[in-house]
Amino acid sequence: MENINQLKHAISKLEEREAKALLNLIFLSSEQFEEDKMIGLLQSLKKSLIQVSRNEEKIGHLQSVHIVFGDSPADSLKAAFHNTPYEKTEEIIVLSDILSVGPLESLHTKMGIEKRFQWFKENYRDDFNYLEEYKQGILKTIEKIKGILPYQQIIIWTCENAAEQTGLRIILCLLQNKVNEVFELNTFKAFHEIYSYPMLEEEQFPRTTGELTSEQLLEFYEKFELSPMNIAKRQAFRDEGQNLLLIKSHLRTWEHDKLWHSDGERDDDFIIHCAKKLHKEQGTYDYMKAARLIGEVIGHMKQYTGDEWIEYRLRDLISREIFTYKGDLSAMRLYEVKLKEELLG
């Protein structure tokens, strides 16, 4: 009886706009889903509305939820909405992780998150004092996504890279019992629809949403035409996401509008290429800062993976004696490398 009263209370508090949006989504879903699936969606909707009755402050205020991958684009989007009406109507949820690298198996569970960060701890060599805090942040983000209210529209910000496209698919797994309208705002497509820079398009700029300014993100949100993702597309992305949560893989590549599982050595040839270039620029065959080489690779590579992954691959090349080093391998700032001399030709 308590739940029924809470449900009635939540429904009575809905504004006309919210109630209409909710009815529209229910009728749309009833035409698309089988009976047992529809029952599950209605149960999820009921649970969400009861949550609303316990948190009335959000009703009538937060109309849209933005899901962003990475702290940098999240900060830019927050800056974009600052001192605008969006500050009161938009919520930003950030998933602070580069999902193109590292294991994803069962990432939607606490055990999966624990395994992912254990892999980072074993393979990345920098300071991991922040690991527990970072892990708890991911858990809180997943809970926030599961707690999105049923009448709020969801905008998922992506770009043409494996990290954000992986994120899109996993988020849609988490939203599988939600009736909310979902939109994908692809910042690469928005950039080249609003501006005319053929050379930058050829060079695959922007590679990530994080390369764009807050002013550009605001312009995209206001000018780029968004359409709700249809049921078939949501289902296809969700299925891809479910596969990602099952496959044991440590690297993903984005090519030809598809995600591919890559060999861990994918970036090794490019690291060697950049090392040859820097040795040539030096004019002498000498050691170079590992961070300098990693920065060169990150600045010119097509696939966005983050500096930790490149440093991980560099240490693997050292272990195979393709590079020699001096210093302390515990952190990239503490050692220098040079390519094996016979490979310079």
C-alpha atoms as a PDB file:
ATOM      1  CA  MET A   1       0.000   0.000   0.000  1.00  0.00           C
ATOM      2  CA  GLU A   2       2.867   2.380   0.792  1.00  0.00           C
ATOM      3  CA  ASN A   3       4.298   1.918  -2.708  1.00  0.00           C
ATOM      4  CA  ILE A   4       0.868   2.553  -4.300  1.00  0.00           C
ATOM      5  CA  ASN A   5       0.507   5.799  -2.351  1.00  0.00           C
ATOM      6  CA  GLN A   6       4.023   6.859  -3.306  1.00  0.00           C
ATOM      7  CA  LEU A   7       3.259   6.086  -6.954  1.00  0.00           C
ATOM      8  CA  LYS A   8       0.053   8.143  -6.853  1.00  0.00           C
ATOM      9  CA  HIS A   9       1.925  10.971  -5.192  1.00  0.00           C
ATOM     10  CA  ALA A  10       4.674  10.904  -7.845  1.00  0.00           C
ATOM     11  CA  ILE A  11       2.151  10.880 -10.711  1.00  0.00           C
ATOM     12  CA  SER A  12       0.207  13.793  -9.191  1.00  0.00           C
ATOM     13  CA  LYS A  13       3.414  15.832  -9.099  1.00  0.00           C
ATOM     14  CA  LEU A  14       4.235  15.342 -12.792  1.00  0.00           C
ATOM     15  CA  GLU A  15       3.856  18.387 -14.982  1.00  0.00           C
ATOM     16  CA  GLU A  16       1.721  18.132 -18.128  1.00  0.00           C
ATOM     17  CA  ARG A  17       4.836  18.037 -20.349  1.00  0.00           C
ATOM     18  CA  GLU A  18       6.316  15.185 -18.337  1.00  0.00           C
ATOM     19  CA  ALA A  19       3.086  13.189 -18.246  1.00  0.00           C
ATOM     20  CA  LYS A  20       2.619  13.497 -22.014  1.00  0.00           C
ATOM     21  CA  ALA A  21       6.205  12.424 -22.653  1.00  0.00           C
ATOM     22  CA  LEU A  22       5.725   9.447 -20.363  1.00  0.00           C
ATOM     23  CA  LEU A  23       2.516   8.307 -22.075  1.00  0.00           C
ATOM     24  CA  ASN A  24       4.110   8.703 -25.491  1.00  0.00           C
ATOM     25  CA  LEU A  25       7.050   6.511 -24.491  1.00  0.00           C
ATOM     26  CA  ILE A  26       4.761   3.834 -22.999  1.00  0.00           C
ATOM     27  CA  PHE A  27       2.607   3.601 -26.135  1.00  0.00           C
ATOM     28  CA  LEU A  28       5.671   3.583 -28.380  1.00  0.00           C
ATOM     29  CA  SER A  29       7.257   0.807 -26.336  1.00  0.00           C
ATOM     30  CA  SER A  30       4.037  -1.248 -26.294  1.00  0.00           C
ATOM     31  CA  GLU A  31       4.130  -1.415 -30.099  1.00  0.00           C
ATOM     32  CA  GLN A  32       7.771  -2.461 -30.191  1.00  0.00           C
ATOM     33  CA  PHE A  33       8.182  -4.964 -27.356  1.00  0.00           C
ATOM     34  CA  GLU A  34       6.712  -8.367 -26.567  1.00  0.00           C
ATOM     35  CA  GLU A  35       4.371  -8.686 -23.587  1.00  0.00           C
ATOM     36  CA  ASP A  36       6.927 -10.054 -21.107  1.00  0.00           C
ATOM     37  CA  LYS A  37       9.426  -7.332 -22.058  1.00  0.00           C
ATOM     38  CA  MET A  38       6.732  -4.677 -21.683  1.00  0.00           C
ATOM     39  CA  ILE A  39       5.910  -5.941 -18.179  1.00  0.00           C
ATOM     40  CA  GLY A  40       9.560  -5.523 -17.236  1.00  0.00           C
ATOM     41  CA  LEU A  41       9.617  -1.966 -18.607  1.00  0.00           C
ATOM     42  CA  LEU A  42       6.456  -1.044 -16.690  1.00  0.00           C
ATOM     43  CA  GLN A  43       7.930  -2.448 -13.477  1.00  0.00           C
ATOM     44  CA  SER A  44      11.067  -0.372 -14.040  1.00  0.00           C
ATOM     45  CA  LEU A  45       8.913   2.694 -14.727  1.00  0.00           C
ATOM     46  CA  LYS A  46       6.926   2.125 -11.537  1.00  0.00           C
ATOM     47  CA  LYS A  47      10.132   1.827  -9.515  1.00  0.00           C
ATOM     48  CA  SER A  48      11.491   5.059 -11.033  1.00  0.00           C
ATOM     49  CA  LEU A  49       8.298   6.980 -10.273  1.00  0.00           C
ATOM     50  CA  ILE A  50       8.387   5.821  -6.661  1.00  0.00           C
ATOM     51  CA  GLN A  51      11.955   7.122  -6.487  1.00  0.00           C
ATOM     52  CA  VAL A  52      10.600  10.438  -7.758  1.00  0.00           C
ATOM     53  CA  SER A  53       8.202  10.673  -4.808  1.00  0.00           C
ATOM     54  CA  ARG A  54      11.206  10.385  -2.483  1.00  0.00           C
ATOM     55  CA  ASN A  55      13.136  13.116  -4.266  1.00  0.00           C
ATOM     56  CA  GLU A  56      10.669  15.802  -5.259  1.00  0.00           C
ATOM     57  CA  GLU A  57      13.330  18.445  -5.781  1.00  0.00           C
ATOM     58  CA  LYS A  58      14.175  17.075  -9.222  1.00  0.00           C
ATOM     59  CA  ILE A  59      10.617  17.192 -10.553  1.00  0.00           C
ATOM     60  CA  GLY A  60      10.098  20.003 -13.052  1.00  0.00           C
ATOM     61  CA  HIS A  61      13.754  21.028 -13.019  1.00  0.00           C
ATOM     62  CA  LEU A  62      16.118  18.515 -14.576  1.00  0.00           C
ATOM     63  CA  GLN A  63      14.650  17.832 -18.019  1.00  0.00           C
ATOM     64  CA  SER A  64      17.680  16.258 -19.701  1.00  0.00           C
ATOM     65  CA  VAL A  65      20.574  14.067 -18.632  1.00  0.00           C
ATOM     66  CA  HIS A  66      23.871  14.294 -20.518  1.00  0.00           C
ATOM     67  CA  ILE A  67      26.251  11.330 -20.346  1.00  0.00           C
ATOM     68  CA  VAL A  68      29.853  12.231 -21.203  1.00  0.00           C
ATOM     69  CA  PHE A  69      32.983  10.065 -21.375  1.00  0.00           C
ATOM     70  CA  GLY A  70      36.009  11.651 -19.699  1.00  0.00           C
ATOM     71  CA  ASP A  71      36.603  14.459 -17.212  1.00  0.00           C
ATOM     72  CA  SER A  72      37.831  16.966 -19.807  1.00  0.00           C
ATOM     73  CA  PRO A  73      34.676  17.020 -21.988  1.00  0.00           C
ATOM     74  CA  ALA A  74      32.503  16.899 -18.865  1.00  0.00           C
ATOM     75  CA  ASP A  75      34.220  20.014 -17.473  1.00  0.00           C
ATOM     76  CA  SER A  76      33.837  21.731 -20.857  1.00  0.00           C
ATOM     77  CA  LEU A  77      30.129  20.912 -20.980  1.00  0.00           C
ATOM     78  CA  LYS A  78      29.629  22.189 -17.436  1.00  0.00           C
ATOM     79  CA  ALA A  79      31.386  25.413 -18.465  1.00  0.00           C
ATOM     80  CA  ALA A  80      29.169  25.592 -21.570  1.00  0.00           C
ATOM     81  CA  PHE A  81      25.993  25.449 -19.478  1.00  0.00           C
ATOM     82  CA  HIS A  82      27.279  27.842 -16.787  1.00  0.00           C
ATOM     83  CA  ASN A  83      25.254  31.061 -16.545  1.00  0.00           C
ATOM     84  CA  THR A  84      22.696  29.776 -19.046  1.00  0.00           C
ATOM     85  CA  PRO A  85      19.155  28.432 -18.492  1.00  0.00           C
ATOM     86  CA  TYR A  86      20.608  24.946 -19.054  1.00  0.00           C
ATOM     87  CA  GLU A  87      22.287  25.147 -15.668  1.00  0.00           C
ATOM     88  CA  LYS A  88      18.891  24.459 -14.052  1.00  0.00           C
ATOM     89  CA  THR A  89      17.462  22.002 -16.565  1.00  0.00           C
ATOM     90  CA  GLU A  90      20.425  19.776 -17.539  1.00  0.00           C
ATOM     91  CA  GLU A  91      22.232  17.174 -15.476  1.00  0.00           C
ATOM     92  CA  ILE A  92      25.711  15.945 -16.493  1.00  0.00           C
ATOM     93  CA  ILE A  93      26.874  12.425 -15.661  1.00  0.00           C
ATOM     94  CA  VAL A  94      30.515  11.672 -16.415  1.00  0.00           C
ATOM     95  CA  LEU A  95      32.076   8.254 -16.898  1.00  0.00           C
ATOM     96  CA  SER A  96      35.741   8.976 -16.162  1.00  0.00           C
ATOM     97  CA  ASP A  97      37.360   6.142 -18.039  1.00  0.00           C
ATOM     98  CA  ILE A  98      38.908   5.341 -21.428  1.00  0.00           C
ATOM     99  CA  LEU A  99      36.859   2.339 -22.445  1.00  0.00           C
ATOM    100  CA  SER A 100      38.865   1.506 -25.563  1.00  0.00           C
ATOM    101  CA  VAL A 101      41.548  -0.120 -23.401  1.00  0.00           C
ATOM    102  CA  GLY A 102      41.485  -2.625 -20.580  1.00  0.00           C
ATOM    103  CA  PRO A 103      39.069  -5.512 -19.889  1.00  0.00           C
ATOM    104  CA  LEU A 104      35.320  -4.856 -20.008  1.00  0.00           C
ATOM    105  CA  GLU A 105      34.083  -8.276 -18.938  1.00  0.00           C
ATOM    106  CA  SER A 106      31.116  -7.837 -16.535  1.00  0.00           C
ATOM    107  CA  LEU A 107      31.889  -4.122 -16.201  1.00  0.00           C
ATOM    108  CA  HIS A 108      28.270  -3.516 -15.166  1.00  0.00           C
ATOM    109  CA  THR A 109      28.969  -5.389 -11.915  1.00  0.00           C
ATOM    110  CA  LYS A 110      31.161  -4.612  -8.908  1.00  0.00           C
ATOM    111  CA  MET A 111      33.223  -7.710  -9.644  1.00  0.00           C
ATOM    112  CA  GLY A 112      33.792  -6.594 -13.245  1.00  0.00           C
ATOM    113  CA  ILE A 113      34.912  -3.129 -12.137  1.00  0.00           C
ATOM    114  CA  GLU A 114      37.257  -4.699  -9.590  1.00  0.00           C
ATOM    115  CA  LYS A 115      38.811  -6.931 -12.285  1.00  0.00           C
ATOM    116  CA  ARG A 116      39.237  -3.993 -14.668  1.00  0.00           C
ATOM    117  CA  PHE A 117      41.117  -1.861 -12.184  1.00  0.00           C
ATOM    118  CA  GLN A 118      43.154  -4.791 -10.959  1.00  0.00           C
ATOM    119  CA  TRP A 119      44.347  -5.173 -14.562  1.00  0.00           C
ATOM    120  CA  PHE A 120      45.288  -1.477 -14.607  1.00  0.00           C
ATOM    121  CA  LYS A 121      47.183  -1.867 -11.352  1.00  0.00           C
ATOM    122  CA  GLU A 122      49.143  -4.828 -12.719  1.00  0.00           C
ATOM    123  CA  ASN A 123      49.959  -3.318 -16.121  1.00  0.00           C
ATOM    124  CA  TYR A 124      50.226   0.446 -15.631  1.00  0.00           C
ATOM    125  CA  ARG A 125      53.134   1.696 -13.583  1.00  0.00           C
ATOM    126  CA  ASP A 126      52.217   5.156 -12.336  1.00  0.00           C
ATOM    127  CA  ASP A 127      50.908   6.279  -8.943  1.00  0.00           C
ATOM    128  CA  PHE A 128      47.747   4.342  -8.075  1.00  0.00           C
ATOM    129  CA  ASN A 129      46.921   5.966  -4.767  1.00  0.00           C
ATOM    130  CA  TYR A 130      43.780   7.306  -6.433  1.00  0.00           C
ATOM    131  CA  LEU A 131      42.594   3.877  -7.627  1.00  0.00           C
ATOM    132  CA  GLU A 132      40.031   3.174  -4.905  1.00  0.00           C
ATOM    133  CA  GLU A 133      38.530   6.656  -5.247  1.00  0.00           C
ATOM    134  CA  TYR A 134      38.402   6.269  -9.015  1.00  0.00           C
ATOM    135  CA  LYS A 135      36.740   2.869  -8.696  1.00  0.00           C
ATOM    136  CA  GLN A 136      34.092   4.237  -6.327  1.00  0.00           C
ATOM    137  CA  GLY A 137      33.455   7.050  -8.803  1.00  0.00           C
ATOM    138  CA  ILE A 138      32.665   4.523 -11.549  1.00  0.00           C
ATOM    139  CA  LEU A 139      30.265   2.675  -9.238  1.00  0.00           C
ATOM    140  CA  LYS A 140      28.481   5.928  -8.372  1.00  0.00           C
ATOM    141  CA  THR A 141      28.227   6.823 -12.062  1.00  0.00           C
ATOM    142  CA  ILE A 142      26.562   3.495 -12.861  1.00  0.00           C
ATOM    143  CA  GLU A 143      24.084   4.022 -10.021  1.00  0.00           C
ATOM    144  CA  LYS A 144      23.300   7.524 -11.316  1.00  0.00           C
ATOM    145  CA  ILE A 145      22.599   6.133 -14.779  1.00  0.00           C
ATOM    146  CA  LYS A 146      20.304   3.460 -13.361  1.00  0.00           C
ATOM    147  CA  GLY A 147      18.507   6.166 -11.350  1.00  0.00           C
ATOM    148  CA  ILE A 148      17.651   8.451 -14.283  1.00  0.00           C
ATOM    149  CA  LEU A 149      13.996   9.480 -14.007  1.00  0.00           C
ATOM    150  CA  PRO A 150      11.620   8.075 -16.647  1.00  0.00           C
ATOM    151  CA  TYR A 151      10.543  11.382 -18.202  1.00  0.00           C
ATOM    152  CA  GLN A 152      14.052  12.795 -18.639  1.00  0.00           C
ATOM    153  CA  GLN A 153      15.552  12.686 -22.104  1.00  0.00           C
ATOM    154  CA  ILE A 154      19.076  11.262 -22.294  1.00  0.00           C
ATOM    155  CA  ILE A 155      21.812  12.727 -24.507  1.00  0.00           C
ATOM    156  CA  ILE A 156      24.921  10.571 -24.914  1.00  0.00           C
ATOM    157  CA  TRP A 157      27.928  12.549 -26.218  1.00  0.00           C
ATOM    158  CA  THR A 158      30.208  10.565 -28.518  1.00  0.00           C
ATOM    159  CA  CYS A 159      32.872  11.008 -31.169  1.00  0.00           C
ATOM    160  CA  GLU A 160      34.469   8.833 -33.852  1.00  0.00           C
ATOM    161  CA  ASN A 161      36.714   6.833 -31.542  1.00  0.00           C
ATOM    162  CA  ALA A 162      36.644   3.452 -29.848  1.00  0.00           C
ATOM    163  CA  ALA A 163      36.516   4.867 -26.308  1.00  0.00           C
ATOM    164  CA  GLU A 164      33.318   6.874 -26.702  1.00  0.00           C
ATOM    165  CA  GLN A 165      31.657   4.408 -29.078  1.00  0.00           C
ATOM    166  CA  THR A 166      32.321   1.605 -26.594  1.00  0.00           C
ATOM    167  CA  GLY A 167      30.838   3.803 -23.891  1.00  0.00           C
ATOM    168  CA  LEU A 168      27.691   4.421 -25.955  1.00  0.00           C
ATOM    169  CA  ARG A 169      27.043   0.698 -26.291  1.00  0.00           C
ATOM    170  CA  ILE A 170      27.670  -0.107 -22.633  1.00  0.00           C
ATOM    171  CA  ILE A 171      25.460   2.774 -21.485  1.00  0.00           C
ATOM    172  CA  LEU A 172      22.620   1.448 -23.647  1.00  0.00           C
ATOM    173  CA  CYS A 173      23.010  -1.901 -21.846  1.00  0.00           C
ATOM    174  CA  LEU A 174      22.535  -0.088 -18.546  1.00  0.00           C
ATOM    175  CA  LEU A 175      19.461   1.689 -19.980  1.00  0.00           C
ATOM    176  CA  GLN A 176      17.835  -1.450 -21.364  1.00  0.00           C
ATOM    177  CA  ASN A 177      14.849  -1.257 -19.000  1.00  0.00           C
ATOM    178  CA  LYS A 178      14.390   2.486 -19.412  1.00  0.00           C
ATOM    179  CA  VAL A 179      11.604   3.985 -21.551  1.00  0.00           C
ATOM    180  CA  ASN A 180      13.360   7.363 -21.837  1.00  0.00           C
ATOM    181  CA  GLU A 181      14.081   8.933 -25.197  1.00  0.00           C
ATOM    182  CA  VAL A 182      17.796   8.563 -25.991  1.00  0.00           C
ATOM    183  CA  PHE A 183      19.815  10.807 -28.324  1.00  0.00           C
ATOM    184  CA  GLU A 184      23.376  10.414 -29.561  1.00  0.00           C
ATOM    185  CA  LEU A 185      25.241  13.683 -30.085  1.00  0.00           C
ATOM    186  CA  ASN A 186      28.262  12.774 -32.203  1.00  0.00           C
ATOM    187  CA  THR A 187      30.659  15.720 -31.905  1.00  0.00           C
ATOM    188  CA  PHE A 188      32.664  14.747 -35.000  1.00  0.00           C
ATOM    189  CA  LYS A 189      29.522  14.800 -37.146  1.00  0.00           C
ATOM    190  CA  ALA A 190      28.272  17.990 -35.473  1.00  0.00           C
ATOM    191  CA  PHE A 191      31.612  19.752 -36.018  1.00  0.00           C
ATOM    192  CA  HIS A 192      31.670  18.990 -39.746  1.00  0.00           C
ATOM    193  CA  GLU A 193      27.986  19.721 -40.258  1.00  0.00           C
ATOM    194  CA  ILE A 194      28.174  23.148 -38.616  1.00  0.00           C
ATOM    195  CA  TYR A 195      31.654  24.150 -39.868  1.00  0.00           C
ATOM    196  CA  SER A 196      33.345  23.631 -43.228  1.00  0.00           C
ATOM    197  CA  TYR A 197      36.871  22.306 -42.732  1.00  0.00           C
ATOM    198  CA  PRO A 198      37.470  19.532 -45.321  1.00  0.00           C
ATOM    199  CA  MET A 199      41.150  19.258 -44.334  1.00  0.00           C
ATOM    200  CA  LEU A 200      40.261  18.709 -40.676  1.00  0.00           C
ATOM    201  CA  GLU A 201      37.699  16.088 -41.655  1.00  0.00           C
ATOM    202  CA  GLU A 202      40.368  14.290 -43.663  1.00  0.00           C
ATOM    203  CA  GLU A 203      42.678  14.467 -40.654  1.00  0.00           C
ATOM    204  CA  GLN A 204      39.936  13.013 -38.435  1.00  0.00           C
ATOM    205  CA  PHE A 205      39.605  16.096 -36.219  1.00  0.00           C
ATOM    206  CA  PRO A 206      38.174  16.101 -33.633  1.00  0.00           C
ATOM    207  CA  ARG A 207      39.395  12.694 -32.533  1.00  0.00           C
ATOM    208  CA  THR A 208      37.613  13.044 -29.194  1.00  0.00           C
ATOM    209  CA  THR A 209      34.969  15.267 -27.628  1.00  0.00           C
ATOM    210  CA  GLY A 210      37.693  16.438 -25.226  1.00  0.00           C
ATOM    211  CA  GLU A 211      39.470  18.293 -28.071  1.00  0.00           C
ATOM    212  CA  LEU A 212      36.567  20.753 -28.403  1.00  0.00           C
ATOM    213  CA  THR A 213      35.895  23.992 -26.530  1.00  0.00           C
ATOM    214  CA  SER A 214      32.962  24.687 -24.238  1.00  0.00           C
ATOM    215  CA  GLU A 215      31.705  27.264 -26.765  1.00  0.00           C
ATOM    216  CA  GLN A 216      31.674  24.628 -29.496  1.00  0.00           C
ATOM    217  CA  LEU A 217      29.834  22.104 -27.311  1.00  0.00           C
ATOM    218  CA  LEU A 218      27.155  24.670 -26.509  1.00  0.00           C
ATOM    219  CA  GLU A 219      26.803  25.492 -30.202  1.00  0.00           C
ATOM    220  CA  PHE A 220      26.462  21.805 -31.076  1.00  0.00           C
ATOM    221  CA  TYR A 221      23.763  21.270 -28.459  1.00  0.00           C
ATOM    222  CA  GLU A 222      21.767  24.226 -29.708  1.00  0.00           C
ATOM    223  CA  LYS A 223      22.269  23.838 -33.465  1.00  0.00           C
ATOM    224  CA  PHE A 224      22.910  20.173 -34.264  1.00  0.00           C
ATOM    225  CA  GLU A 225      19.640  18.471 -35.105  1.00  0.00           C
ATOM    226  CA  LEU A 226      19.013  15.538 -32.774  1.00  0.00           C
ATOM    227  CA  SER A 227      16.512  12.745 -33.349  1.00  0.00           C
ATOM    228  CA  PRO A 228      15.532  10.121 -30.771  1.00  0.00           C
ATOM    229  CA  MET A 229      17.321   6.830 -31.320  1.00  0.00           C
ATOM    230  CA  ASN A 230      14.808   4.348 -32.690  1.00  0.00           C
ATOM    231  CA  ILE A 231      14.094   1.045 -31.004  1.00  0.00           C
ATOM    232  CA  ALA A 232      15.943  -1.044 -33.605  1.00  0.00           C
ATOM    233  CA  LYS A 233      19.131   1.018 -33.305  1.00  0.00           C
ATOM    234  CA  ARG A 234      18.986   0.997 -29.517  1.00  0.00           C
ATOM    235  CA  GLN A 235      18.550  -2.772 -29.580  1.00  0.00           C
ATOM    236  CA  ALA A 236      21.489  -3.244 -31.981  1.00  0.00           C
ATOM    237  CA  PHE A 237      23.814  -1.052 -29.884  1.00  0.00           C
ATOM    238  CA  ARG A 238      22.629  -2.748 -26.701  1.00  0.00           C
ATOM    239  CA  ASP A 239      23.385  -6.166 -28.177  1.00  0.00           C
ATOM    240  CA  GLU A 240      26.872  -4.975 -29.147  1.00  0.00           C
ATOM    241  CA  GLY A 241      27.326  -3.702 -25.618  1.00  0.00           C
ATOM    242  CA  GLN A 242      26.300  -7.028 -24.138  1.00  0.00           C
ATOM    243  CA  ASN A 243      28.888  -8.743 -26.334  1.00  0.00           C
ATOM    244  CA  LEU A 244      31.540  -6.286 -25.123  1.00  0.00           C
ATOM    245  CA  LEU A 245      30.710  -7.276 -21.551  1.00  0.00           C
ATOM    246  CA  LEU A 246      31.295 -10.935 -22.410  1.00  0.00           C
ATOM    247  CA  ILE A 247      34.418 -10.851 -24.593  1.00  0.00           C
ATOM    248  CA  LYS A 248      37.865 -11.050 -23.004  1.00  0.00           C
ATOM    249  CA  SER A 249      39.711  -8.296 -24.853  1.00  0.00           C
ATOM    250  CA  HIS A 250      42.113  -5.518 -23.813  1.00  0.00           C
ATOM    251  CA  LEU A 251      42.003  -3.214 -26.838  1.00  0.00           C
ATOM    252  CA  ARG A 252      39.313  -1.894 -29.167  1.00  0.00           C
ATOM    253  CA  THR A 253      39.667  -0.049 -32.476  1.00  0.00           C
ATOM    254  CA  TRP A 254      37.139   2.153 -34.316  1.00  0.00           C
ATOM    255  CA  GLU A 255      37.274   1.715 -38.100  1.00  0.00           C
ATOM    256  CA  HIS A 256      34.664   1.849 -40.882  1.00  0.00           C
ATOM    257  CA  ASP A 257      32.004   2.885 -38.335  1.00  0.00           C
ATOM    258  CA  LYS A 258      32.496  -0.315 -36.382  1.00  0.00           C
ATOM    259  CA  LEU A 259      34.220  -1.482 -33.224  1.00  0.00           C
ATOM    260  CA  TRP A 260      36.916  -4.103 -33.663  1.00  0.00           C
ATOM    261  CA  HIS A 261      38.857  -6.096 -31.101  1.00  0.00           C
ATOM    262  CA  SER A 262      42.547  -5.434 -31.705  1.00  0.00           C
ATOM    263  CA  ASP A 263      45.826  -7.114 -30.940  1.00  0.00           C
ATOM    264  CA  GLY A 264      47.673  -5.526 -28.036  1.00  0.00           C
ATOM    265  CA  GLU A 265      50.590  -4.797 -30.369  1.00  0.00           C
ATOM    266  CA  ARG A 266      48.493  -2.598 -32.659  1.00  0.00           C
ATOM    267  CA  ASP A 267      50.285   0.642 -31.735  1.00  0.00           C
ATOM    268  CA  ASP A 268      53.823  -0.734 -31.488  1.00  0.00           C
ATOM    269  CA  ASP A 269      54.851   0.032 -35.088  1.00  0.00           C
ATOM    270  CA  PHE A 270      53.715   3.624 -34.704  1.00  0.00           C
ATOM    271  CA  ILE A 271      55.674   4.038 -31.454  1.00  0.00           C
ATOM    272  CA  ILE A 272      58.794   2.828 -33.313  1.00  0.00           C
ATOM    273  CA  HIS A 273      58.028   5.189 -36.216  1.00  0.00           C
ATOM    274  CA  CYS A 274      57.767   8.185 -33.848  1.00  0.00           C
ATOM    275  CA  ALA A 275      60.990   7.186 -32.074  1.00  0.00           C
ATOM    276  CA  LYS A 276      62.842   7.127 -35.420  1.00  0.00           C
ATOM    277  CA  LYS A 277      61.489  10.585 -36.204  1.00  0.00           C
ATOM    278  CA  LEU A 278      62.589  12.019 -32.844  1.00  0.00           C
ATOM    279  CA  HIS A 279      66.050  10.449 -33.095  1.00  0.00           C
ATOM    280  CA  LYS A 280      66.424  12.083 -36.494  1.00  0.00           C
ATOM    281  CA  GLU A 281      65.349  15.458 -35.088  1.00  0.00           C
ATOM    282  CA  GLN A 282      67.856  15.090 -32.238  1.00  0.00           C
ATOM    283  CA  GLY A 283      70.700  14.897 -34.702  1.00  0.00           C
ATOM    284  CA  THR A 284      72.461  12.459 -32.368  1.00  0.00           C
ATOM    285  CA  TYR A 285      71.630   8.948 -31.318  1.00  0.00           C
ATOM    286  CA  ASP A 286      70.853   9.530 -27.651  1.00  0.00           C
ATOM    287  CA  TYR A 287      68.268   8.776 -24.982  1.00  0.00           C
ATOM    288  CA  MET A 288      65.011  10.748 -25.008  1.00  0.00           C
ATOM    289  CA  LYS A 289      62.485  11.275 -22.227  1.00  0.00           C
ATOM    290  CA  ALA A 290      59.850   8.528 -22.306  1.00  0.00           C
ATOM    291  CA  ALA A 291      57.177  11.182 -21.764  1.00  0.00           C
ATOM    292  CA  ARG A 292      58.450  13.068 -24.839  1.00  0.00           C
ATOM    293  CA  LEU A 293      58.086   9.998 -27.035  1.00  0.00           C
ATOM    294  CA  ILE A 294      54.650   9.163 -25.591  1.00  0.00           C
ATOM    295  CA  GLY A 295      53.500  12.741 -26.204  1.00  0.00           C
ATOM    296  CA  GLU A 296      54.655  12.508 -29.824  1.00  0.00           C
ATOM    297  CA  VAL A 297      52.726   9.276 -30.318  1.00  0.00           C
ATOM    298  CA  ILE A 298      49.539  10.599 -28.681  1.00  0.00           C
ATOM    299  CA  GLY A 299      49.717  13.805 -30.720  1.00  0.00           C
ATOM    300  CA  HIS A 300      49.795  12.039 -34.089  1.00  0.00           C
ATOM    301  CA  MET A 301      48.046   8.701 -33.712  1.00  0.00           C
ATOM    302  CA  LYS A 302      44.596   8.192 -35.230  1.00  0.00           C
ATOM    303  CA  GLN A 303      43.208   5.918 -32.526  1.00  0.00           C
ATOM    304  CA  TYR A 304      42.617   7.625 -29.163  1.00  0.00           C
ATOM    305  CA  THR A 305      43.787   5.409 -26.301  1.00  0.00           C
ATOM    306  CA  GLY A 306      45.371   7.668 -23.684  1.00  0.00           C
ATOM    307  CA  ASP A 307      48.998   8.023 -22.606  1.00  0.00           C
ATOM    308  CA  GLU A 308      48.849   5.178 -20.075  1.00  0.00           C
ATOM    309  CA  TRP A 309      48.193   2.621 -22.814  1.00  0.00           C
ATOM    310  CA  ILE A 310      51.078   3.907 -24.967  1.00  0.00           C
ATOM    311  CA  GLU A 311      53.411   3.804 -21.972  1.00  0.00           C
ATOM    312  CA  TYR A 312      52.281   0.241 -21.298  1.00  0.00           C
ATOM    313  CA  ARG A 313      53.148  -0.706 -24.895  1.00  0.00           C
ATOM    314  CA  LEU A 314      56.505   1.124 -24.661  1.00  0.00           C
ATOM    315  CA  ARG A 315      57.473  -0.927 -21.604  1.00  0.00           C
ATOM    316  CA  ASP A 316      56.533  -4.074 -23.510  1.00  0.00           C
ATOM    317  CA  LEU A 317      58.856  -2.974 -26.349  1.00  0.00           C
ATOM    318  CA  ILE A 318      61.580  -2.462 -23.739  1.00  0.00           C
ATOM    319  CA  SER A 319      61.015  -5.982 -22.404  1.00  0.00           C
ATOM    320  CA  ARG A 320      61.474  -7.296 -25.972  1.00  0.00           C
ATOM    321  CA  GLU A 321      64.721  -5.264 -26.271  1.00  0.00           C
ATOM    322  CA  ILE A 322      63.396  -3.141 -29.134  1.00  0.00           C
ATOM    323  CA  PHE A 323      64.149  -0.131 -26.902  1.00  0.00           C
ATOM    324  CA  THR A 324      66.793   0.264 -24.233  1.00  0.00           C
ATOM    325  CA  TYR A 325      66.205   2.480 -21.218  1.00  0.00           C
ATOM    326  CA  LYS A 326      67.837   4.162 -18.255  1.00  0.00           C
ATOM    327  CA  GLY A 327      66.121   5.307 -15.099  1.00  0.00           C
ATOM    328  CA  ASP A 328      63.154   3.969 -13.120  1.00  0.00           C
ATOM    329  CA  LEU A 329      60.324   2.229 -15.002  1.00  0.00           C
ATOM    330  CA  SER A 330      57.829   2.826 -12.197  1.00  0.00           C
ATOM    331  CA  ALA A 331      56.579   6.016 -13.900  1.00  0.00           C
ATOM    332  CA  MET A 332      56.990   7.481 -17.382  1.00  0.00           C
ATOM    333  CA  ARG A 333      58.491  10.694 -16.020  1.00  0.00           C
ATOM    334  CA  LEU A 334      61.348   8.762 -14.399  1.00  0.00           C
ATOM    335  CA  TYR A 335      63.028   7.060 -17.355  1.00  0.00           C
ATOM    336  CA  GLU A 336      64.471   7.690 -20.806  1.00  0.00           C
ATOM    337  CA  VAL A 337      64.519   5.429 -23.858  1.00  0.00           C
ATOM    338  CA  LYS A 338      66.239   4.990 -27.177  1.00  0.00           C
ATOM    339  CA  LEU A 339      65.484   2.723 -30.091  1.00  0.00           C
ATOM    340  CA  LYS A 340      67.802  -0.184 -30.759  1.00  0.00           C
ATOM    341  CA  GLU A 341      70.461   1.223 -33.084  1.00  0.00           C
ATOM    342  CA  GLU A 342      70.056  -1.410 -35.842  1.00  0.00           C
ATOM    343  CA  LEU A 343      66.380  -0.396 -36.183  1.00  0.00           C
ATOM    344  CA  LEU A 344      67.125   3.230 -37.031  1.00  0.00           C
ATOM    345  CA  GLY A 345      67.775   2.592 -40.731  1.00  0.00           C
END
